[in-house]
């Protein structure tokens, strides 16, 4: 699963992603430390 965002006039950009189990997570530099992705399978 991934979260992406698109601001007006901009291309869609990556925000955060989580692996199938939720054990691996990766963030865009612009949101790291401020955003938290999680999943409840």
ModelCIF file with pLDDT and N, C-alpha, C, O atoms, coordinates in Angstrom:
data_MODEL
#
_entry.id   MODEL 
#
_entity.id                         1 
_entity.type                       polymer 
_entity.pdbx_number_of_molecules   1 
#
_entity_poly.entity_id                      1 
_entity_poly.type                           'polypeptide(L)' 
_entity_poly.nstd_linkage                   no 
_entity_poly.nstd_monomer                   no 
_entity_poly.pdbx_seq_one_letter_code       
;(UNK)(UNK)(UNK)(UNK)(UNK)(UNK)(UNK)(UNK)(UNK)(UNK)(UNK)(UNK)(UNK)(UNK)(UNK)(UNK)
(UNK)(UNK)(UNK)(UNK)(UNK)(UNK)(UNK)(UNK)(UNK)(UNK)(UNK)(UNK)(UNK)(UNK)(UNK)(UNK)
(UNK)(UNK)(UNK)(UNK)(UNK)(UNK)(UNK)(UNK)(UNK)
;
_entity_poly.pdbx_seq_one_letter_code_can   XXXXXXXXXXXXXXXXXXXXXXXXXXXXXXXXXXXXXXXXX 
_entity_poly.pdbx_strand_id                 A 
#
loop_
_entity_poly_seq.entity_id 
_entity_poly_seq.num 
_entity_poly_seq.mon_id 
_entity_poly_seq.hetero 
1 1  UNK n 
1 2  UNK n 
1 3  UNK n 
1 4  UNK n 
1 5  UNK n 
1 6  UNK n 
1 7  UNK n 
1 8  UNK n 
1 9  UNK n 
1 10 UNK n 
1 11 UNK n 
1 12 UNK n 
1 13 UNK n 
1 14 UNK n 
1 15 UNK n 
1 16 UNK n 
1 17 UNK n 
1 18 UNK n 
1 19 UNK n 
1 20 UNK n 
1 21 UNK n 
1 22 UNK n 
1 23 UNK n 
1 24 UNK n 
1 25 UNK n 
1 26 UNK n 
1 27 UNK n 
1 28 UNK n 
1 29 UNK n 
1 30 UNK n 
1 31 UNK n 
1 32 UNK n 
1 33 UNK n 
1 34 UNK n 
1 35 UNK n 
1 36 UNK n 
1 37 UNK n 
1 38 UNK n 
1 39 UNK n 
1 40 UNK n 
1 41 UNK n 
#
_struct_asym.id          A 
_struct_asym.entity_id   1 
#
loop_
_ma_qa_metric.id 
_ma_qa_metric.mode 
_ma_qa_metric.name 
_ma_qa_metric.software_group_id 
_ma_qa_metric.type 
1 global pLDDT . pLDDT 
2 local  pLDDT . pLDDT 
#
_ma_qa_metric_global.metric_id      1 
_ma_qa_metric_global.metric_value   97.07 
_ma_qa_metric_global.model_id       1 
_ma_qa_metric_global.ordinal_id     1 
#
loop_
_ma_qa_metric_local.label_asym_id 
_ma_qa_metric_local.label_comp_id 
_ma_qa_metric_local.label_seq_id 
_ma_qa_metric_local.metric_id 
_ma_qa_metric_local.metric_value 
_ma_qa_metric_local.model_id 
_ma_qa_metric_local.ordinal_id 
A UNK 1  2 97.00 1 1  
A UNK 2  2 98.00 1 2  
A UNK 3  2 98.00 1 3  
A UNK 4  2 98.00 1 4  
A UNK 5  2 98.00 1 5  
A UNK 6  2 98.00 1 6  
A UNK 7  2 97.00 1 7  
A UNK 8  2 95.00 1 8  
A UNK 9  2 95.00 1 9  
A UNK 10 2 96.00 1 10 
A UNK 11 2 96.00 1 11 
A UNK 12 2 97.00 1 12 
A UNK 13 2 97.00 1 13 
A UNK 14 2 98.00 1 14 
A UNK 15 2 98.00 1 15 
A UNK 16 2 98.00 1 16 
A UNK 17 2 98.00 1 17 
A UNK 18 2 97.00 1 18 
A UNK 19 2 96.00 1 19 
A UNK 20 2 95.00 1 20 
A UNK 21 2 94.00 1 21 
A UNK 22 2 93.00 1 22 
A UNK 23 2 95.00 1 23 
A UNK 24 2 96.00 1 24 
A UNK 25 2 97.00 1 25 
A UNK 26 2 97.00 1 26 
A UNK 27 2 98.00 1 27 
A UNK 28 2 98.00 1 28 
A UNK 29 2 98.00 1 29 
A UNK 30 2 98.00 1 30 
A UNK 31 2 98.00 1 31 
A UNK 32 2 98.00 1 32 
A UNK 33 2 98.00 1 33 
A UNK 34 2 98.00 1 34 
A UNK 35 2 98.00 1 35 
A UNK 36 2 98.00 1 36 
A UNK 37 2 98.00 1 37 
A UNK 38 2 98.00 1 38 
A UNK 39 2 98.00 1 39 
A UNK 40 2 97.00 1 40 
A UNK 41 2 97.00 1 41 
#
loop_
_atom_site.group_PDB 
_atom_site.id 
_atom_site.type_symbol 
_atom_site.label_atom_id 
_atom_site.label_alt_id 
_atom_site.label_comp_id 
_atom_site.label_asym_id 
_atom_site.label_entity_id 
_atom_site.label_seq_id 
_atom_site.pdbx_PDB_ins_code 
_atom_site.Cartn_x 
_atom_site.Cartn_y 
_atom_site.Cartn_z 
_atom_site.occupancy 
_atom_site.B_iso_or_equiv 
_atom_site.pdbx_formal_charge 
_atom_site.auth_seq_id 
_atom_site.auth_comp_id 
_atom_site.auth_asym_id 
_atom_site.auth_atom_id 
_atom_site.pdbx_PDB_model_num 
ATOM 1   N N  . UNK A 1 1  ? 0.839  -1.203 0.000   1.00 97.00 ? 1  UNK A N  1 
ATOM 2   C CA . UNK A 1 1  ? 0.000  0.000  0.000   1.00 97.00 ? 1  UNK A CA 1 
ATOM 3   C C  . UNK A 1 1  ? 0.871  1.250  0.000   1.00 97.00 ? 1  UNK A C  1 
ATOM 4   O O  . UNK A 1 1  ? 1.914  1.304  0.652   1.00 97.00 ? 1  UNK A O  1 
ATOM 5   N N  . UNK A 1 2  ? 0.424  2.238  -0.737  1.00 98.00 ? 2  UNK A N  1 
ATOM 6   C CA . UNK A 1 2  ? 1.119  3.520  -0.756  1.00 98.00 ? 2  UNK A CA 1 
ATOM 7   C C  . UNK A 1 2  ? 0.140  4.673  -0.612  1.00 98.00 ? 2  UNK A C  1 
ATOM 8   O O  . UNK A 1 2  ? -1.032 4.564  -0.973  1.00 98.00 ? 2  UNK A O  1 
ATOM 9   N N  . UNK A 1 3  ? 0.637  5.768  -0.083  1.00 98.00 ? 3  UNK A N  1 
ATOM 10  C CA . UNK A 1 3  ? -0.073 7.048  -0.082  1.00 98.00 ? 3  UNK A CA 1 
ATOM 11  C C  . UNK A 1 3  ? 0.689  7.989  -1.016  1.00 98.00 ? 3  UNK A C  1 
ATOM 12  O O  . UNK A 1 3  ? 1.917  8.079  -0.979  1.00 98.00 ? 3  UNK A O  1 
ATOM 13  N N  . UNK A 1 4  ? -0.071 8.676  -1.842  1.00 98.00 ? 4  UNK A N  1 
ATOM 14  C CA . UNK A 1 4  ? 0.482  9.656  -2.763  1.00 98.00 ? 4  UNK A CA 1 
ATOM 15  C C  . UNK A 1 4  ? -0.336 10.931 -2.636  1.00 98.00 ? 4  UNK A C  1 
ATOM 16  O O  . UNK A 1 4  ? -1.431 10.926 -2.076  1.00 98.00 ? 4  UNK A O  1 
ATOM 17  N N  . UNK A 1 5  ? 0.203  12.017 -3.159  1.00 98.00 ? 5  UNK A N  1 
ATOM 18  C CA . UNK A 1 5  ? -0.560 13.269 -3.145  1.00 98.00 ? 5  UNK A CA 1 
ATOM 19  C C  . UNK A 1 5  ? -0.297 14.041 -4.428  1.00 98.00 ? 5  UNK A C  1 
ATOM 20  O O  . UNK A 1 5  ? 0.727  13.883 -5.094  1.00 98.00 ? 5  UNK A O  1 
ATOM 21  N N  . UNK A 1 6  ? -1.269 14.879 -4.738  1.00 98.00 ? 6  UNK A N  1 
ATOM 22  C CA . UNK A 1 6  ? -1.145 15.712 -5.931  1.00 98.00 ? 6  UNK A CA 1 
ATOM 23  C C  . UNK A 1 6  ? -1.677 17.098 -5.619  1.00 98.00 ? 6  UNK A C  1 
ATOM 24  O O  . UNK A 1 6  ? -2.866 17.290 -5.365  1.00 98.00 ? 6  UNK A O  1 
ATOM 25  N N  . UNK A 1 7  ? -0.769 18.052 -5.646  1.00 97.00 ? 7  UNK A N  1 
ATOM 26  C CA . UNK A 1 7  ? -1.161 19.448 -5.461  1.00 97.00 ? 7  UNK A CA 1 
ATOM 27  C C  . UNK A 1 7  ? -1.581 20.031 -6.812  1.00 97.00 ? 7  UNK A C  1 
ATOM 28  O O  . UNK A 1 7  ? -1.195 19.534 -7.870  1.00 97.00 ? 7  UNK A O  1 
ATOM 29  N N  . UNK A 1 8  ? -2.363 21.071 -6.748  1.00 95.00 ? 8  UNK A N  1 
ATOM 30  C CA . UNK A 1 8  ? -2.878 21.694 -7.967  1.00 95.00 ? 8  UNK A CA 1 
ATOM 31  C C  . UNK A 1 8  ? -1.723 22.120 -8.868  1.00 95.00 ? 8  UNK A C  1 
ATOM 32  O O  . UNK A 1 8  ? -0.831 22.856 -8.448  1.00 95.00 ? 8  UNK A O  1 
ATOM 33  N N  . UNK A 1 9  ? -1.753 21.648 -10.113 1.00 95.00 ? 9  UNK A N  1 
ATOM 34  C CA . UNK A 1 9  ? -0.726 22.007 -11.073 1.00 95.00 ? 9  UNK A CA 1 
ATOM 35  C C  . UNK A 1 9  ? 0.542  21.195 -10.993 1.00 95.00 ? 9  UNK A C  1 
ATOM 36  O O  . UNK A 1 9  ? 1.469  21.400 -11.776 1.00 95.00 ? 9  UNK A O  1 
ATOM 37  N N  . UNK A 1 10 ? 0.591  20.264 -10.041 1.00 96.00 ? 10 UNK A N  1 
ATOM 38  C CA . UNK A 1 10 ? 1.791  19.433 -9.867  1.00 96.00 ? 10 UNK A CA 1 
ATOM 39  C C  . UNK A 1 10 ? 1.508  17.986 -10.247 1.00 96.00 ? 10 UNK A C  1 
ATOM 40  O O  . UNK A 1 10 ? 0.358  17.560 -10.357 1.00 96.00 ? 10 UNK A O  1 
ATOM 41  N N  . UNK A 1 11 ? 2.593  17.247 -10.443 1.00 96.00 ? 11 UNK A N  1 
ATOM 42  C CA . UNK A 1 11 ? 2.459  15.815 -10.677 1.00 96.00 ? 11 UNK A CA 1 
ATOM 43  C C  . UNK A 1 11 ? 2.196  15.097 -9.359  1.00 96.00 ? 11 UNK A C  1 
ATOM 44  O O  . UNK A 1 11 ? 2.469  15.615 -8.276  1.00 96.00 ? 11 UNK A O  1 
ATOM 45  N N  . UNK A 1 12 ? 1.663  13.902 -9.485  1.00 97.00 ? 12 UNK A N  1 
ATOM 46  C CA . UNK A 1 12 ? 1.418  13.082 -8.304  1.00 97.00 ? 12 UNK A CA 1 
ATOM 47  C C  . UNK A 1 12 ? 2.757  12.687 -7.697  1.00 97.00 ? 12 UNK A C  1 
ATOM 48  O O  . UNK A 1 12 ? 3.672  12.283 -8.415  1.00 97.00 ? 12 UNK A O  1 
ATOM 49  N N  . UNK A 1 13 ? 2.872  12.801 -6.385  1.00 97.00 ? 13 UNK A N  1 
ATOM 50  C CA . UNK A 1 13 ? 4.132  12.483 -5.732  1.00 97.00 ? 13 UNK A CA 1 
ATOM 51  C C  . UNK A 1 13 ? 3.930  11.488 -4.590  1.00 97.00 ? 13 UNK A C  1 
ATOM 52  O O  . UNK A 1 13 ? 2.867  11.410 -3.974  1.00 97.00 ? 13 UNK A O  1 
ATOM 53  N N  . UNK A 1 14 ? 4.975  10.750 -4.343  1.00 98.00 ? 14 UNK A N  1 
ATOM 54  C CA . UNK A 1 14 ? 4.984  9.740  -3.301  1.00 98.00 ? 14 UNK A CA 1 
ATOM 55  C C  . UNK A 1 14 ? 5.005  10.379 -1.922  1.00 98.00 ? 14 UNK A C  1 
ATOM 56  O O  . UNK A 1 14 ? 5.673  11.390 -1.706  1.00 98.00 ? 14 UNK A O  1 
ATOM 57  N N  . UNK A 1 15 ? 4.261  9.776  -0.979  1.00 98.00 ? 15 UNK A N  1 
ATOM 58  C CA . UNK A 1 15 ? 4.241  10.237 0.407   1.00 98.00 ? 15 UNK A CA 1 
ATOM 59  C C  . UNK A 1 15 ? 4.790  9.153  1.346   1.00 98.00 ? 15 UNK A C  1 
ATOM 60  O O  . UNK A 1 15 ? 5.744  9.386  2.088   1.00 98.00 ? 15 UNK A O  1 
ATOM 61  N N  . UNK A 1 16 ? 4.178  7.979  1.300   1.00 98.00 ? 16 UNK A N  1 
ATOM 62  C CA . UNK A 1 16 ? 4.579  6.904  2.229   1.00 98.00 ? 16 UNK A CA 1 
ATOM 63  C C  . UNK A 1 16 ? 4.098  5.578  1.677   1.00 98.00 ? 16 UNK A C  1 
ATOM 64  O O  . UNK A 1 16 ? 3.138  5.523  0.909   1.00 98.00 ? 16 UNK A O  1 
ATOM 65  N N  . UNK A 1 17 ? 4.778  4.497  2.079   1.00 98.00 ? 17 UNK A N  1 
ATOM 66  C CA . UNK A 1 17 ? 4.383  3.165  1.651   1.00 98.00 ? 17 UNK A CA 1 
ATOM 67  C C  . UNK A 1 17 ? 4.643  2.163  2.766   1.00 98.00 ? 17 UNK A C  1 
ATOM 68  O O  . UNK A 1 17 ? 5.562  2.323  3.569   1.00 98.00 ? 17 UNK A O  1 
ATOM 69  N N  . UNK A 1 18 ? 3.813  1.129  2.797   1.00 97.00 ? 18 UNK A N  1 
ATOM 70  C CA . UNK A 1 18 ? 3.976  0.065  3.780   1.00 97.00 ? 18 UNK A CA 1 
ATOM 71  C C  . UNK A 1 18 ? 3.947  -1.282 3.080   1.00 97.00 ? 18 UNK A C  1 
ATOM 72  O O  . UNK A 1 18 ? 3.212  -1.483 2.113   1.00 97.00 ? 18 UNK A O  1 
ATOM 73  N N  . UNK A 1 19 ? 4.751  -2.191 3.580   1.00 96.00 ? 19 UNK A N  1 
ATOM 74  C CA . UNK A 1 19 ? 4.793  -3.532 3.018   1.00 96.00 ? 19 UNK A CA 1 
ATOM 75  C C  . UNK A 1 19 ? 3.524  -4.302 3.383   1.00 96.00 ? 19 UNK A C  1 
ATOM 76  O O  . UNK A 1 19 ? 2.680  -3.821 4.139   1.00 96.00 ? 19 UNK A O  1 
ATOM 77  N N  . UNK A 1 20 ? 3.414  -5.498 2.833   1.00 95.00 ? 20 UNK A N  1 
ATOM 78  C CA . UNK A 1 20 ? 2.209  -6.300 3.009   1.00 95.00 ? 20 UNK A CA 1 
ATOM 79  C C  . UNK A 1 20 ? 1.914  -6.580 4.472   1.00 95.00 ? 20 UNK A C  1 
ATOM 80  O O  . UNK A 1 20 ? 0.755  -6.570 4.886   1.00 95.00 ? 20 UNK A O  1 
ATOM 81  N N  . UNK A 1 21 ? 2.938  -6.827 5.246   1.00 94.00 ? 21 UNK A N  1 
ATOM 82  C CA . UNK A 1 21 ? 2.758  -7.130 6.662   1.00 94.00 ? 21 UNK A CA 1 
ATOM 83  C C  . UNK A 1 21 ? 2.758  -5.880 7.534   1.00 94.00 ? 21 UNK A C  1 
ATOM 84  O O  . UNK A 1 21 ? 2.367  -5.926 8.700   1.00 94.00 ? 21 UNK A O  1 
ATOM 85  N N  . UNK A 1 22 ? 3.205  -4.752 6.952   1.00 93.00 ? 22 UNK A N  1 
ATOM 86  C CA . UNK A 1 22 ? 3.364  -3.534 7.733   1.00 93.00 ? 22 UNK A CA 1 
ATOM 87  C C  . UNK A 1 22 ? 4.725  -3.446 8.404   1.00 93.00 ? 22 UNK A C  1 
ATOM 88  O O  . UNK A 1 22 ? 5.005  -2.487 9.123   1.00 93.00 ? 22 UNK A O  1 
ATOM 89  N N  . UNK A 1 23 ? 5.567  -4.440 8.173   1.00 95.00 ? 23 UNK A N  1 
ATOM 90  C CA . UNK A 1 23 ? 6.864  -4.473 8.843   1.00 95.00 ? 23 UNK A CA 1 
ATOM 91  C C  . UNK A 1 23 ? 7.909  -3.557 8.236   1.00 95.00 ? 23 UNK A C  1 
ATOM 92  O O  . UNK A 1 23 ? 8.887  -3.201 8.893   1.00 95.00 ? 23 UNK A O  1 
ATOM 93  N N  . UNK A 1 24 ? 7.705  -3.176 6.988   1.00 96.00 ? 24 UNK A N  1 
ATOM 94  C CA . UNK A 1 24 ? 8.632  -2.266 6.308   1.00 96.00 ? 24 UNK A CA 1 
ATOM 95  C C  . UNK A 1 24 ? 7.865  -1.030 5.862   1.00 96.00 ? 24 UNK A C  1 
ATOM 96  O O  . UNK A 1 24 ? 6.804  -1.125 5.245   1.00 96.00 ? 24 UNK A O  1 
ATOM 97  N N  . UNK A 1 25 ? 8.414  0.112  6.181   1.00 97.00 ? 25 UNK A N  1 
ATOM 98  C CA . UNK A 1 25 ? 7.770  1.387  5.889   1.00 97.00 ? 25 UNK A CA 1 
ATOM 99  C C  . UNK A 1 25 ? 8.815  2.328  5.306   1.00 97.00 ? 25 UNK A C  1 
ATOM 100 O O  . UNK A 1 25 ? 9.987  2.295  5.680   1.00 97.00 ? 25 UNK A O  1 
ATOM 101 N N  . UNK A 1 26 ? 8.364  3.160  4.386   1.00 97.00 ? 26 UNK A N  1 
ATOM 102 C CA . UNK A 1 26 ? 9.279  4.115  3.755   1.00 97.00 ? 26 UNK A CA 1 
ATOM 103 C C  . UNK A 1 26 ? 8.532  5.412  3.518   1.00 97.00 ? 26 UNK A C  1 
ATOM 104 O O  . UNK A 1 26 ? 7.367  5.409  3.120   1.00 97.00 ? 26 UNK A O  1 
ATOM 105 N N  . UNK A 1 27 ? 9.222  6.532  3.768   1.00 98.00 ? 27 UNK A N  1 
ATOM 106 C CA . UNK A 1 27 ? 8.599  7.849  3.639   1.00 98.00 ? 27 UNK A CA 1 
ATOM 107 C C  . UNK A 1 27 ? 9.373  8.725  2.663   1.00 98.00 ? 27 UNK A C  1 
ATOM 108 O O  . UNK A 1 27 ? 10.577 8.559  2.467   1.00 98.00 ? 27 UNK A O  1 
ATOM 109 N N  . UNK A 1 28 ? 8.652  9.655  2.060   1.00 98.00 ? 28 UNK A N  1 
ATOM 110 C CA . UNK A 1 28 ? 9.305  10.715 1.319   1.00 98.00 ? 28 UNK A CA 1 
ATOM 111 C C  . UNK A 1 28 ? 10.044 11.609 2.307   1.00 98.00 ? 28 UNK A C  1 
ATOM 112 O O  . UNK A 1 28 ? 9.624  11.773 3.453   1.00 98.00 ? 28 UNK A O  1 
ATOM 113 N N  . UNK A 1 29 ? 11.141 12.178 1.847   1.00 98.00 ? 29 UNK A N  1 
ATOM 114 C CA . UNK A 1 29 ? 11.937 13.043 2.725   1.00 98.00 ? 29 UNK A CA 1 
ATOM 115 C C  . UNK A 1 29 ? 11.106 14.206 3.260   1.00 98.00 ? 29 UNK A C  1 
ATOM 116 O O  . UNK A 1 29 ? 11.309 14.657 4.387   1.00 98.00 ? 29 UNK A O  1 
ATOM 117 N N  . UNK A 1 30 ? 10.177 14.684 2.452   1.00 98.00 ? 30 UNK A N  1 
ATOM 118 C CA . UNK A 1 30 ? 9.403  15.868 2.820   1.00 98.00 ? 30 UNK A CA 1 
ATOM 119 C C  . UNK A 1 30 ? 8.445  15.625 3.982   1.00 98.00 ? 30 UNK A C  1 
ATOM 120 O O  . UNK A 1 30 ? 7.987  16.579 4.610   1.00 98.00 ? 30 UNK A O  1 
ATOM 121 N N  . UNK A 1 31 ? 8.134  14.356 4.278   1.00 98.00 ? 31 UNK A N  1 
ATOM 122 C CA . UNK A 1 31 ? 7.170  14.073 5.343   1.00 98.00 ? 31 UNK A CA 1 
ATOM 123 C C  . UNK A 1 31 ? 7.762  13.233 6.464   1.00 98.00 ? 31 UNK A C  1 
ATOM 124 O O  . UNK A 1 31 ? 7.123  13.047 7.500   1.00 98.00 ? 31 UNK A O  1 
ATOM 125 N N  . UNK A 1 32 ? 8.961  12.729 6.272   1.00 98.00 ? 32 UNK A N  1 
ATOM 126 C CA . UNK A 1 32 ? 9.565  11.857 7.284   1.00 98.00 ? 32 UNK A CA 1 
ATOM 127 C C  . UNK A 1 32 ? 9.691  12.604 8.611   1.00 98.00 ? 32 UNK A C  1 
ATOM 128 O O  . UNK A 1 32 ? 10.162 13.740 8.660   1.00 98.00 ? 32 UNK A O  1 
ATOM 129 N N  . UNK A 1 33 ? 9.262  11.940 9.681   1.00 98.00 ? 33 UNK A N  1 
ATOM 130 C CA . UNK A 1 33 ? 9.294  12.555 11.009  1.00 98.00 ? 33 UNK A CA 1 
ATOM 131 C C  . UNK A 1 33 ? 8.006  13.288 11.354  1.00 98.00 ? 33 UNK A C  1 
ATOM 132 O O  . UNK A 1 33 ? 7.789  13.643 12.513  1.00 98.00 ? 33 UNK A O  1 
ATOM 133 N N  . UNK A 1 34 ? 7.152  13.518 10.365  1.00 98.00 ? 34 UNK A N  1 
ATOM 134 C CA . UNK A 1 34 ? 5.878  14.207 10.616  1.00 98.00 ? 34 UNK A CA 1 
ATOM 135 C C  . UNK A 1 34 ? 4.674  13.302 10.337  1.00 98.00 ? 34 UNK A C  1 
ATOM 136 O O  . UNK A 1 34 ? 3.647  13.396 11.010  1.00 98.00 ? 34 UNK A O  1 
ATOM 137 N N  . UNK A 1 35 ? 4.810  12.432 9.346   1.00 98.00 ? 35 UNK A N  1 
ATOM 138 C CA . UNK A 1 35 ? 3.713  11.541 8.955   1.00 98.00 ? 35 UNK A CA 1 
ATOM 139 C C  . UNK A 1 35 ? 4.028  10.116 9.399   1.00 98.00 ? 35 UNK A C  1 
ATOM 140 O O  . UNK A 1 35 ? 5.188  9.709  9.465   1.00 98.00 ? 35 UNK A O  1 
ATOM 141 N N  . UNK A 1 36 ? 2.968  9.369  9.701   1.00 98.00 ? 36 UNK A N  1 
ATOM 142 C CA . UNK A 1 36 ? 3.112  7.966  10.082  1.00 98.00 ? 36 UNK A CA 1 
ATOM 143 C C  . UNK A 1 36 ? 2.087  7.124  9.337   1.00 98.00 ? 36 UNK A C  1 
ATOM 144 O O  . UNK A 1 36 ? 0.883  7.356  9.439   1.00 98.00 ? 36 UNK A O  1 
ATOM 145 N N  . UNK A 1 37 ? 2.575  6.151  8.592   1.00 98.00 ? 37 UNK A N  1 
ATOM 146 C CA . UNK A 1 37 ? 1.689  5.220  7.889   1.00 98.00 ? 37 UNK A CA 1 
ATOM 147 C C  . UNK A 1 37 ? 1.553  3.947  8.722   1.00 98.00 ? 37 UNK A C  1 
ATOM 148 O O  . UNK A 1 37 ? 2.518  3.487  9.333   1.00 98.00 ? 37 UNK A O  1 
ATOM 149 N N  . UNK A 1 38 ? 0.358  3.391  8.739   1.00 98.00 ? 38 UNK A N  1 
ATOM 150 C CA . UNK A 1 38 ? 0.134  2.138  9.443   1.00 98.00 ? 38 UNK A CA 1 
ATOM 151 C C  . UNK A 1 38 ? -0.989 1.381  8.745   1.00 98.00 ? 38 UNK A C  1 
ATOM 152 O O  . UNK A 1 38 ? -1.750 1.954  7.966   1.00 98.00 ? 38 UNK A O  1 
ATOM 153 N N  . UNK A 1 39 ? -1.080 0.093  9.034   1.00 98.00 ? 39 UNK A N  1 
ATOM 154 C CA . UNK A 1 39 ? -2.143 -0.701 8.442   1.00 98.00 ? 39 UNK A CA 1 
ATOM 155 C C  . UNK A 1 39 ? -2.655 -1.715 9.449   1.00 98.00 ? 39 UNK A C  1 
ATOM 156 O O  . UNK A 1 39 ? -1.934 -2.166 10.339  1.00 98.00 ? 39 UNK A O  1 
ATOM 157 N N  . UNK A 1 40 ? -3.933 -2.061 9.278   1.00 97.00 ? 40 UNK A N  1 
ATOM 158 C CA . UNK A 1 40 ? -4.572 -3.080 10.096  1.00 97.00 ? 40 UNK A CA 1 
ATOM 159 C C  . UNK A 1 40 ? -5.159 -4.091 9.129   1.00 97.00 ? 40 UNK A C  1 
ATOM 160 O O  . UNK A 1 40 ? -6.255 -3.894 8.603   1.00 97.00 ? 40 UNK A O  1 
ATOM 161 N N  . UNK A 1 41 ? -4.436 -5.166 8.895   1.00 97.00 ? 41 UNK A N  1 
ATOM 162 C CA . UNK A 1 41 ? -4.884 -6.139 7.898   1.00 97.00 ? 41 UNK A CA 1 
ATOM 163 C C  . UNK A 1 41 ? -6.161 -6.864 8.319   1.00 97.00 ? 41 UNK A C  1 
ATOM 164 O O  . UNK A 1 41 ? -6.661 -7.713 7.582   1.00 97.00 ? 41 UNK A O  1 
#
